[in-house]
Amino acid sequence: MNDIYRIHINSNDYSFKDQIQRASISVMNNISEGSESGSDAAFIRYLRIAKASCAEVRSMLYLSEDFNIIGSEEANSLRIQTNKIAAGIFNLINYLKKKT
C-alpha cells in the first residue's frame, strides 16, 4: 500500500486527493483494527471493509485517469497493487471462515 497512499495527484482538488488517500489508509487501518478485535467473526467484518476500501481506491484511480490527474501507466500499476491486496484479503477471509 506504500505507493497507493502516497499517490502523487497533480491536482488542486484537495478533496479528491484526500478521498483517495483516506480510502487507501482505511485498508491498512481496518486490517489492523480487525486483527485486534478479539474474534474471527469481527476480524472478517473488518477485512470485508478493508476489501471494499480497495475497491474504492480502484474506482478513484479510474477517475484520476479519466480526469487526467495521473497517467495511465501509474493508474494501472496502482490498480494492479489494489487487486493483489484485495486478493490477499479475500484469501485471509476464506482461511478464517474455514478455521471456524
PDB file of N, CA and C in Angstrom:
ATOM      1  N   MET A   1       0.822  -1.190   0.000  1.00  0.00           N
ATOM      2  CA  MET A   1       0.000   0.000   0.000  1.00  0.00           C
ATOM      3  C   MET A   1       0.863   1.250   0.000  1.00  0.00           C
ATOM      4  N   ASN A   2       2.153   1.123   0.185  1.00  0.00           N
ATOM      5  CA  ASN A   2       3.002   2.308   0.269  1.00  0.00           C
ATOM      6  C   ASN A   2       2.775   3.274  -0.871  1.00  0.00           C
ATOM      7  N   ASP A   3       2.827   2.782  -2.106  1.00  0.00           N
ATOM      8  CA  ASP A   3       2.667   3.666  -3.255  1.00  0.00           C
ATOM      9  C   ASP A   3       1.267   4.240  -3.337  1.00  0.00           C
ATOM     10  N   ILE A   4       0.297   3.492  -2.905  1.00  0.00           N
ATOM     11  CA  ILE A   4      -1.082   3.921  -3.062  1.00  0.00           C
ATOM     12  C   ILE A   4      -1.402   5.098  -2.148  1.00  0.00           C
ATOM     13  N   TYR A   5      -1.004   5.017  -0.867  1.00  0.00           N
ATOM     14  CA  TYR A   5      -1.368   6.141  -0.006  1.00  0.00           C
ATOM     15  C   TYR A   5      -0.435   7.325  -0.175  1.00  0.00           C
ATOM     16  N   ARG A   6       0.598   7.172  -0.960  1.00  0.00           N
ATOM     17  CA  ARG A   6       1.486   8.283  -1.270  1.00  0.00           C
ATOM     18  C   ARG A   6       1.271   8.795  -2.691  1.00  0.00           C
ATOM     19  N   ILE A   7       0.171   8.430  -3.278  1.00  0.00           N
ATOM     20  CA  ILE A   7      -0.095   8.791  -4.667  1.00  0.00           C
ATOM     21  C   ILE A   7       0.110  10.287  -4.880  1.00  0.00           C
ATOM     22  N   HIS A   8       0.760  10.601  -5.969  1.00  0.00           N
ATOM     23  CA  HIS A   8       1.043  11.999  -6.296  1.00  0.00           C
ATOM     24  C   HIS A   8       0.007  12.474  -7.305  1.00  0.00           C
ATOM     25  N   ILE A   9      -1.009  13.105  -6.786  1.00  0.00           N
ATOM     26  CA  ILE A   9      -2.055  13.623  -7.645  1.00  0.00           C
ATOM     27  C   ILE A   9      -1.746  15.080  -7.923  1.00  0.00           C
ATOM     28  N   ASN A  10      -1.525  15.364  -9.180  1.00  0.00           N
ATOM     29  CA  ASN A  10      -1.257  16.728  -9.596  1.00  0.00           C
ATOM     30  C   ASN A  10      -2.580  17.448  -9.806  1.00  0.00           C
ATOM     31  N   SER A  11      -3.173  17.818  -8.710  1.00  0.00           N
ATOM     32  CA  SER A  11      -4.494  18.424  -8.785  1.00  0.00           C
ATOM     33  C   SER A  11      -4.651  19.442  -7.677  1.00  0.00           C
ATOM     34  N   ASN A  12      -5.371  20.482  -7.981  1.00  0.00           N
ATOM     35  CA  ASN A  12      -5.687  21.461  -6.957  1.00  0.00           C
ATOM     36  C   ASN A  12      -6.914  21.034  -6.164  1.00  0.00           C
ATOM     37  N   ASP A  13      -7.530  19.927  -6.563  1.00  0.00           N
ATOM     38  CA  ASP A  13      -8.718  19.442  -5.891  1.00  0.00           C
ATOM     39  C   ASP A  13      -8.302  18.647  -4.658  1.00  0.00           C
ATOM     40  N   TYR A  14      -8.147  19.342  -3.561  1.00  0.00           N
ATOM     41  CA  TYR A  14      -7.697  18.712  -2.330  1.00  0.00           C
ATOM     42  C   TYR A  14      -8.648  17.605  -1.888  1.00  0.00           C
ATOM     43  N   SER A  15      -9.961  17.824  -2.040  1.00  0.00           N
ATOM     44  CA  SER A  15     -10.919  16.822  -1.571  1.00  0.00           C
ATOM     45  C   SER A  15     -10.785  15.510  -2.337  1.00  0.00           C
ATOM     46  N   PHE A  16     -10.471  15.577  -3.622  1.00  0.00           N
ATOM     47  CA  PHE A  16     -10.279  14.370  -4.417  1.00  0.00           C
ATOM     48  C   PHE A  16      -9.059  13.608  -3.909  1.00  0.00           C
ATOM     49  N   LYS A  17      -7.953  14.312  -3.754  1.00  0.00           N
ATOM     50  CA  LYS A  17      -6.723  13.699  -3.262  1.00  0.00           C
ATOM     51  C   LYS A  17      -6.930  13.139  -1.858  1.00  0.00           C
ATOM     52  N   ASP A  18      -7.603  13.899  -1.027  1.00  0.00           N
ATOM     53  CA  ASP A  18      -7.859  13.469   0.337  1.00  0.00           C
ATOM     54  C   ASP A  18      -8.692  12.186   0.363  1.00  0.00           C
ATOM     55  N   GLN A  19      -9.688  12.090  -0.501  1.00  0.00           N
ATOM     56  CA  GLN A  19     -10.564  10.917  -0.524  1.00  0.00           C
ATOM     57  C   GLN A  19      -9.807   9.647  -0.899  1.00  0.00           C
ATOM     58  N   ILE A  20      -8.974   9.715  -1.914  1.00  0.00           N
ATOM     59  CA  ILE A  20      -8.238   8.512  -2.330  1.00  0.00           C
ATOM     60  C   ILE A  20      -7.203   8.125  -1.270  1.00  0.00           C
ATOM     61  N   GLN A  21      -6.608   9.101  -0.621  1.00  0.00           N
ATOM     62  CA  GLN A  21      -5.651   8.791   0.438  1.00  0.00           C
ATOM     63  C   GLN A  21      -6.357   8.191   1.652  1.00  0.00           C
ATOM     64  N   ARG A  22      -7.506   8.737   2.017  1.00  0.00           N
ATOM     65  CA  ARG A  22      -8.246   8.194   3.165  1.00  0.00           C
ATOM     66  C   ARG A  22      -8.710   6.768   2.890  1.00  0.00           C
ATOM     67  N   ALA A  23      -9.151   6.502   1.670  1.00  0.00           N
ATOM     68  CA  ALA A  23      -9.604   5.147   1.326  1.00  0.00           C
ATOM     69  C   ALA A  23      -8.450   4.152   1.389  1.00  0.00           C
ATOM     70  N   SER A  24      -7.286   4.568   0.890  1.00  0.00           N
ATOM     71  CA  SER A  24      -6.148   3.645   0.904  1.00  0.00           C
ATOM     72  C   SER A  24      -5.638   3.407   2.321  1.00  0.00           C
ATOM     73  N   ILE A  25      -5.638   4.434   3.139  1.00  0.00           N
ATOM     74  CA  ILE A  25      -5.220   4.272   4.530  1.00  0.00           C
ATOM     75  C   ILE A  25      -6.239   3.428   5.289  1.00  0.00           C
ATOM     76  N   SER A  26      -7.503   3.533   4.923  1.00  0.00           N
ATOM     77  CA  SER A  26      -8.562   2.760   5.550  1.00  0.00           C
ATOM     78  C   SER A  26      -8.331   1.257   5.401  1.00  0.00           C
ATOM     79  N   VAL A  27      -7.744   0.852   4.286  1.00  0.00           N
ATOM     80  CA  VAL A  27      -7.457  -0.571   4.073  1.00  0.00           C
ATOM     81  C   VAL A  27      -6.572  -1.080   5.208  1.00  0.00           C
ATOM     82  N   MET A  28      -5.448  -0.423   5.400  1.00  0.00           N
ATOM     83  CA  MET A  28      -4.491  -0.862   6.416  1.00  0.00           C
ATOM     84  C   MET A  28      -5.077  -0.741   7.824  1.00  0.00           C
ATOM     85  N   ASN A  29      -5.768   0.354   8.093  1.00  0.00           N
ATOM     86  CA  ASN A  29      -6.325   0.556   9.432  1.00  0.00           C
ATOM     87  C   ASN A  29      -7.385  -0.475   9.774  1.00  0.00           C
ATOM     88  N   ASN A  30      -8.227  -0.857   8.816  1.00  0.00           N
ATOM     89  CA  ASN A  30      -9.253  -1.856   9.099  1.00  0.00           C
ATOM     90  C   ASN A  30      -8.656  -3.235   9.319  1.00  0.00           C
ATOM     91  N   ILE A  31      -7.610  -3.568   8.578  1.00  0.00           N
ATOM     92  CA  ILE A  31      -6.934  -4.853   8.823  1.00  0.00           C
ATOM     93  C   ILE A  31      -6.337  -4.857  10.227  1.00  0.00           C
ATOM     94  N   SER A  32      -5.695  -3.761  10.589  1.00  0.00           N
ATOM     95  CA  SER A  32      -5.082  -3.658  11.916  1.00  0.00           C
ATOM     96  C   SER A  32      -6.128  -3.726  13.023  1.00  0.00           C
ATOM     97  N   GLU A  33      -7.183  -2.943  12.881  1.00  0.00           N
ATOM     98  CA  GLU A  33      -8.249  -2.946  13.872  1.00  0.00           C
ATOM     99  C   GLU A  33      -8.879  -4.324  14.003  1.00  0.00           C
ATOM    100  N   GLY A  34      -9.145  -4.945  12.871  1.00  0.00           N
ATOM    101  CA  GLY A  34      -9.773  -6.260  12.891  1.00  0.00           C
ATOM    102  C   GLY A  34      -8.922  -7.313  13.551  1.00  0.00           C
ATOM    103  N   SER A  35      -7.619  -7.219  13.351  1.00  0.00           N
ATOM    104  CA  SER A  35      -6.726  -8.222  13.945  1.00  0.00           C
ATOM    105  C   SER A  35      -6.723  -8.147  15.468  1.00  0.00           C
ATOM    106  N   GLU A  36      -7.108  -7.011  15.997  1.00  0.00           N
ATOM    107  CA  GLU A  36      -7.162  -6.827  17.447  1.00  0.00           C
ATOM    108  C   GLU A  36      -8.583  -6.938  17.999  1.00  0.00           C
ATOM    109  N   SER A  37      -9.528  -7.303  17.158  1.00  0.00           N
ATOM    110  CA  SER A  37     -10.937  -7.274  17.546  1.00  0.00           C
ATOM    111  C   SER A  37     -11.340  -8.362  18.537  1.00  0.00           C
ATOM    112  N   GLY A  38     -10.599  -9.429  18.586  1.00  0.00           N
ATOM    113  CA  GLY A  38     -10.883 -10.456  19.581  1.00  0.00           C
ATOM    114  C   GLY A  38     -11.640 -11.677  19.088  1.00  0.00           C
ATOM    115  N   SER A  39     -12.163 -11.612  17.869  1.00  0.00           N
ATOM    116  CA  SER A  39     -12.838 -12.804  17.337  1.00  0.00           C
ATOM    117  C   SER A  39     -12.656 -12.858  15.829  1.00  0.00           C
ATOM    118  N   ASP A  40     -12.716 -14.071  15.308  1.00  0.00           N
ATOM    119  CA  ASP A  40     -12.587 -14.234  13.858  1.00  0.00           C
ATOM    120  C   ASP A  40     -13.745 -13.578  13.120  1.00  0.00           C
ATOM    121  N   ALA A  41     -14.947 -13.661  13.694  1.00  0.00           N
ATOM    122  CA  ALA A  41     -16.115 -13.054  13.039  1.00  0.00           C
ATOM    123  C   ALA A  41     -15.942 -11.543  12.915  1.00  0.00           C
ATOM    124  N   ALA A  42     -15.470 -10.907  13.959  1.00  0.00           N
ATOM    125  CA  ALA A  42     -15.240  -9.455  13.907  1.00  0.00           C
ATOM    126  C   ALA A  42     -14.098  -9.134  12.948  1.00  0.00           C
ATOM    127  N   PHE A  43     -13.057  -9.943  12.979  1.00  0.00           N
ATOM    128  CA  PHE A  43     -11.924  -9.739  12.071  1.00  0.00           C
ATOM    129  C   PHE A  43     -12.400  -9.813  10.626  1.00  0.00           C
ATOM    130  N   ILE A  44     -13.218 -10.798  10.324  1.00  0.00           N
ATOM    131  CA  ILE A  44     -13.754 -10.951   8.964  1.00  0.00           C
ATOM    132  C   ILE A  44     -14.554  -9.712   8.565  1.00  0.00           C
ATOM    133  N   ARG A  45     -15.338  -9.188   9.490  1.00  0.00           N
ATOM    134  CA  ARG A  45     -16.127  -7.978   9.199  1.00  0.00           C
ATOM    135  C   ARG A  45     -15.196  -6.811   8.832  1.00  0.00           C
ATOM    136  N   TYR A  46     -14.132  -6.622   9.595  1.00  0.00           N
ATOM    137  CA  TYR A  46     -13.167  -5.568   9.293  1.00  0.00           C
ATOM    138  C   TYR A  46     -12.443  -5.831   7.971  1.00  0.00           C
ATOM    139  N   LEU A  47     -12.134  -7.087   7.705  1.00  0.00           N
ATOM    140  CA  LEU A  47     -11.470  -7.426   6.445  1.00  0.00           C
ATOM    141  C   LEU A  47     -12.363  -7.109   5.248  1.00  0.00           C
ATOM    142  N   ARG A  48     -13.649  -7.352   5.388  1.00  0.00           N
ATOM    143  CA  ARG A  48     -14.574  -7.014   4.295  1.00  0.00           C
ATOM    144  C   ARG A  48     -14.612  -5.503   4.057  1.00  0.00           C
ATOM    145  N   ILE A  49     -14.548  -4.738   5.121  1.00  0.00           N
ATOM    146  CA  ILE A  49     -14.500  -3.282   4.978  1.00  0.00           C
ATOM    147  C   ILE A  49     -13.202  -2.874   4.288  1.00  0.00           C
ATOM    148  N   ALA A  50     -12.090  -3.509   4.671  1.00  0.00           N
ATOM    149  CA  ALA A  50     -10.802  -3.210   4.038  1.00  0.00           C
ATOM    150  C   ALA A  50     -10.837  -3.548   2.550  1.00  0.00           C
ATOM    151  N   LYS A  51     -11.439  -4.679   2.210  1.00  0.00           N
ATOM    152  CA  LYS A  51     -11.548  -5.076   0.805  1.00  0.00           C
ATOM    153  C   LYS A  51     -12.406  -4.084   0.020  1.00  0.00           C
ATOM    154  N   ALA A  52     -13.471  -3.610   0.642  1.00  0.00           N
ATOM    155  CA  ALA A  52     -14.319  -2.603  -0.004  1.00  0.00           C
ATOM    156  C   ALA A  52     -13.540  -1.300  -0.211  1.00  0.00           C
ATOM    157  N   SER A  53     -12.674  -0.964   0.718  1.00  0.00           N
ATOM    158  CA  SER A  53     -11.853   0.234   0.555  1.00  0.00           C
ATOM    159  C   SER A  53     -10.885   0.075  -0.611  1.00  0.00           C
ATOM    160  N   CYS A  54     -10.412  -1.147  -0.855  1.00  0.00           N
ATOM    161  CA  CYS A  54      -9.583  -1.399  -2.041  1.00  0.00           C
ATOM    162  C   CYS A  54     -10.370  -1.078  -3.311  1.00  0.00           C
ATOM    163  N   ALA A  55     -11.626  -1.485  -3.322  1.00  0.00           N
ATOM    164  CA  ALA A  55     -12.474  -1.199  -4.485  1.00  0.00           C
ATOM    165  C   ALA A  55     -12.673   0.303  -4.654  1.00  0.00           C
ATOM    166  N   GLU A  56     -12.820   1.005  -3.555  1.00  0.00           N
ATOM    167  CA  GLU A  56     -12.968   2.467  -3.622  1.00  0.00           C
ATOM    168  C   GLU A  56     -11.706   3.107  -4.195  1.00  0.00           C
ATOM    169  N   VAL A  57     -10.545   2.637  -3.762  1.00  0.00           N
ATOM    170  CA  VAL A  57      -9.287   3.175  -4.293  1.00  0.00           C
ATOM    171  C   VAL A  57      -9.209   2.918  -5.796  1.00  0.00           C
ATOM    172  N   ARG A  58      -9.557   1.696  -6.229  1.00  0.00           N
ATOM    173  CA  ARG A  58      -9.537   1.398  -7.665  1.00  0.00           C
ATOM    174  C   ARG A  58     -10.473   2.317  -8.438  1.00  0.00           C
ATOM    175  N   SER A  59     -11.645   2.543  -7.889  1.00  0.00           N
ATOM    176  CA  SER A  59     -12.593   3.441  -8.531  1.00  0.00           C
ATOM    177  C   SER A  59     -12.013   4.852  -8.660  1.00  0.00           C
ATOM    178  N   MET A  60     -11.399   5.312  -7.599  1.00  0.00           N
ATOM    179  CA  MET A  60     -10.791   6.652  -7.621  1.00  0.00           C
ATOM    180  C   MET A  60      -9.638   6.710  -8.620  1.00  0.00           C
ATOM    181  N   LEU A  61      -8.922   5.606  -8.780  1.00  0.00           N
ATOM    182  CA  LEU A  61      -7.829   5.572  -9.752  1.00  0.00           C
ATOM    183  C   LEU A  61      -8.351   5.666 -11.175  1.00  0.00           C
ATOM    184  N   TYR A  62      -9.483   5.009 -11.440  1.00  0.00           N
ATOM    185  CA  TYR A  62     -10.096   5.152 -12.772  1.00  0.00           C
ATOM    186  C   TYR A  62     -10.503   6.601 -13.016  1.00  0.00           C
ATOM    187  N   LEU A  63     -11.096   7.215 -12.003  1.00  0.00           N
ATOM    188  CA  LEU A  63     -11.485   8.617 -12.137  1.00  0.00           C
ATOM    189  C   LEU A  63     -10.266   9.520 -12.322  1.00  0.00           C
ATOM    190  N   SER A  64      -9.213   9.239 -11.570  1.00  0.00           N
ATOM    191  CA  SER A  64      -7.984  10.027 -11.692  1.00  0.00           C
ATOM    192  C   SER A  64      -7.441   9.974 -13.111  1.00  0.00           C
ATOM    193  N   GLU A  65      -7.515   8.793 -13.677  1.00  0.00           N
ATOM    194  CA  GLU A  65      -7.046   8.616 -15.054  1.00  0.00           C
ATOM    195  C   GLU A  65      -7.983   9.334 -16.031  1.00  0.00           C
ATOM    196  N   ASP A  66      -9.278   9.172 -15.836  1.00  0.00           N
ATOM    197  CA  ASP A  66     -10.261   9.822 -16.714  1.00  0.00           C
ATOM    198  C   ASP A  66     -10.132  11.341 -16.689  1.00  0.00           C
ATOM    199  N   PHE A  67      -9.821  11.890 -15.506  1.00  0.00           N
ATOM    200  CA  PHE A  67      -9.704  13.338 -15.361  1.00  0.00           C
ATOM    201  C   PHE A  67      -8.291  13.839 -15.660  1.00  0.00           C
ATOM    202  N   ASN A  68      -7.435  12.931 -16.163  1.00  0.00           N
ATOM    203  CA  ASN A  68      -6.039  13.282 -16.486  1.00  0.00           C
ATOM    204  C   ASN A  68      -5.280  13.838 -15.287  1.00  0.00           C
ATOM    205  N   ILE A  69      -5.577  13.292 -14.127  1.00  0.00           N
ATOM    206  CA  ILE A  69      -4.882  13.699 -12.911  1.00  0.00           C
ATOM    207  C   ILE A  69      -3.600  12.893 -12.758  1.00  0.00           C
ATOM    208  N   ILE A  70      -3.663  11.611 -13.097  1.00  0.00           N
ATOM    209  CA  ILE A  70      -2.465  10.768 -13.151  1.00  0.00           C
ATOM    210  C   ILE A  70      -2.461  10.041 -14.489  1.00  0.00           C
ATOM    211  N   GLY A  71      -1.289   9.583 -14.877  1.00  0.00           N
ATOM    212  CA  GLY A  71      -1.154   8.892 -16.153  1.00  0.00           C
ATOM    213  C   GLY A  71      -1.689   7.472 -16.113  1.00  0.00           C
ATOM    214  N   SER A  72      -1.945   6.944 -17.284  1.00  0.00           N
ATOM    215  CA  SER A  72      -2.486   5.590 -17.411  1.00  0.00           C
ATOM    216  C   SER A  72      -1.566   4.543 -16.810  1.00  0.00           C
ATOM    217  N   GLU A  73      -0.272   4.694 -17.038  1.00  0.00           N
ATOM    218  CA  GLU A  73       0.688   3.706 -16.539  1.00  0.00           C
ATOM    219  C   GLU A  73       0.683   3.660 -15.012  1.00  0.00           C
ATOM    220  N   GLU A  74       0.709   4.825 -14.384  1.00  0.00           N
ATOM    221  CA  GLU A  74       0.697   4.871 -12.923  1.00  0.00           C
ATOM    222  C   GLU A  74      -0.632   4.350 -12.380  1.00  0.00           C
ATOM    223  N   ALA A  75      -1.732   4.759 -12.986  1.00  0.00           N
ATOM    224  CA  ALA A  75      -3.051   4.308 -12.539  1.00  0.00           C
ATOM    225  C   ALA A  75      -3.151   2.785 -12.646  1.00  0.00           C
ATOM    226  N   ASN A  76      -2.707   2.226 -13.765  1.00  0.00           N
ATOM    227  CA  ASN A  76      -2.771   0.778 -13.957  1.00  0.00           C
ATOM    228  C   ASN A  76      -1.898   0.048 -12.945  1.00  0.00           C
ATOM    229  N   SER A  77      -0.699   0.549 -12.713  1.00  0.00           N
ATOM    230  CA  SER A  77       0.203  -0.066 -11.740  1.00  0.00           C
ATOM    231  C   SER A  77      -0.427  -0.087 -10.349  1.00  0.00           C
ATOM    232  N   LEU A  78      -1.046   1.016  -9.965  1.00  0.00           N
ATOM    233  CA  LEU A  78      -1.680   1.094  -8.657  1.00  0.00           C
ATOM    234  C   LEU A  78      -2.920   0.211  -8.576  1.00  0.00           C
ATOM    235  N   ARG A  79      -3.670   0.109  -9.665  1.00  0.00           N
ATOM    236  CA  ARG A  79      -4.836  -0.787  -9.677  1.00  0.00           C
ATOM    237  C   ARG A  79      -4.399  -2.242  -9.521  1.00  0.00           C
ATOM    238  N   ILE A  80      -3.298  -2.605 -10.156  1.00  0.00           N
ATOM    239  CA  ILE A  80      -2.763  -3.960 -10.002  1.00  0.00           C
ATOM    240  C   ILE A  80      -2.425  -4.222  -8.538  1.00  0.00           C
ATOM    241  N   GLN A  81      -1.816  -3.245  -7.886  1.00  0.00           N
ATOM    242  CA  GLN A  81      -1.488  -3.399  -6.470  1.00  0.00           C
ATOM    243  C   GLN A  81      -2.746  -3.581  -5.622  1.00  0.00           C
ATOM    244  N   THR A  82      -3.773  -2.788  -5.903  1.00  0.00           N
ATOM    245  CA  THR A  82      -5.005  -2.924  -5.111  1.00  0.00           C
ATOM    246  C   THR A  82      -5.674  -4.273  -5.360  1.00  0.00           C
ATOM    247  N   ASN A  83      -5.579  -4.780  -6.586  1.00  0.00           N
ATOM    248  CA  ASN A  83      -6.129  -6.114  -6.871  1.00  0.00           C
ATOM    249  C   ASN A  83      -5.390  -7.190  -6.088  1.00  0.00           C
ATOM    250  N   LYS A  84      -4.078  -7.081  -6.003  1.00  0.00           N
ATOM    251  CA  LYS A  84      -3.287  -8.053  -5.237  1.00  0.00           C
ATOM    252  C   LYS A  84      -3.629  -7.982  -3.752  1.00  0.00           C
ATOM    253  N   ILE A  85      -3.776  -6.771  -3.250  1.00  0.00           N
ATOM    254  CA  ILE A  85      -4.119  -6.607  -1.834  1.00  0.00           C
ATOM    255  C   ILE A  85      -5.510  -7.180  -1.566  1.00  0.00           C
ATOM    256  N   ALA A  86      -6.467  -6.870  -2.428  1.00  0.00           N
ATOM    257  CA  ALA A  86      -7.831  -7.382  -2.261  1.00  0.00           C
ATOM    258  C   ALA A  86      -7.846  -8.907  -2.324  1.00  0.00           C
ATOM    259  N   ALA A  87      -7.050  -9.489  -3.209  1.00  0.00           N
ATOM    260  CA  ALA A  87      -6.973 -10.950  -3.310  1.00  0.00           C
ATOM    261  C   ALA A  87      -6.408 -11.546  -2.020  1.00  0.00           C
ATOM    262  N   GLY A  88      -5.401 -10.906  -1.462  1.00  0.00           N
ATOM    263  CA  GLY A  88      -4.834 -11.369  -0.196  1.00  0.00           C
ATOM    264  C   GLY A  88      -5.850 -11.296   0.933  1.00  0.00           C
ATOM    265  N   ILE A  89      -6.608 -10.213   0.967  1.00  0.00           N
ATOM    266  CA  ILE A  89      -7.654 -10.066   1.979  1.00  0.00           C
ATOM    267  C   ILE A  89      -8.718 -11.149   1.793  1.00  0.00           C
ATOM    268  N   PHE A  90      -9.116 -11.387   0.551  1.00  0.00           N
ATOM    269  CA  PHE A  90     -10.101 -12.426   0.243  1.00  0.00           C
ATOM    270  C   PHE A  90      -9.605 -13.788   0.730  1.00  0.00           C
ATOM    271  N   ASN A  91      -8.338 -14.096   0.473  1.00  0.00           N
ATOM    272  CA  ASN A  91      -7.771 -15.377   0.919  1.00  0.00           C
ATOM    273  C   ASN A  91      -7.754 -15.481   2.437  1.00  0.00           C
ATOM    274  N   LEU A  92      -7.452 -14.380   3.122  1.00  0.00           N
ATOM    275  CA  LEU A  92      -7.448 -14.398   4.582  1.00  0.00           C
ATOM    276  C   LEU A  92      -8.862 -14.599   5.117  1.00  0.00           C
ATOM    277  N   ILE A  93      -9.838 -13.960   4.507  1.00  0.00           N
ATOM    278  CA  ILE A  93     -11.235 -14.159   4.909  1.00  0.00           C
ATOM    279  C   ILE A  93     -11.612 -15.633   4.766  1.00  0.00           C
ATOM    280  N   ASN A  94     -11.273 -16.229   3.631  1.00  0.00           N
ATOM    281  CA  ASN A  94     -11.592 -17.653   3.418  1.00  0.00           C
ATOM    282  C   ASN A  94     -10.891 -18.543   4.424  1.00  0.00           C
ATOM    283  N   TYR A  95      -9.643 -18.245   4.751  1.00  0.00           N
ATOM    284  CA  TYR A  95      -8.906 -19.006   5.743  1.00  0.00           C
ATOM    285  C   TYR A  95      -9.621 -18.937   7.099  1.00  0.00           C
ATOM    286  N   LEU A  96      -9.999 -17.729   7.488  1.00  0.00           N
ATOM    287  CA  LEU A  96     -10.663 -17.565   8.782  1.00  0.00           C
ATOM    288  C   LEU A  96     -12.022 -18.246   8.815  1.00  0.00           C
ATOM    289  N   LYS A  97     -12.744 -18.237   7.700  1.00  0.00           N
ATOM    290  CA  LYS A  97     -14.040 -18.923   7.634  1.00  0.00           C
ATOM    291  C   LYS A  97     -13.875 -20.428   7.803  1.00  0.00           C
ATOM    292  N   LYS A  98     -12.848 -20.993   7.155  1.00  0.00           N
ATOM    293  CA  LYS A  98     -12.614 -22.447   7.252  1.00  0.00           C
ATOM    294  C   LYS A  98     -12.167 -22.835   8.645  1.00  0.00           C
ATOM    295  N   LYS A  99     -11.452 -21.957   9.288  1.00  0.00           N
ATOM    296  CA  LYS A  99     -10.913 -22.218  10.620  1.00  0.00           C
ATOM    297  C   LYS A  99     -12.015 -22.353  11.664  1.00  0.00           C
ATOM    298  N   THR A 100     -13.111 -21.640  11.470  1.00  0.00           N
ATOM    299  CA  THR A 100     -14.168 -21.648  12.487  1.00  0.00           C
ATOM    300  C   THR A 100     -15.200 -22.710  12.244  1.00  0.00           C
TER     301      THR A 100
END
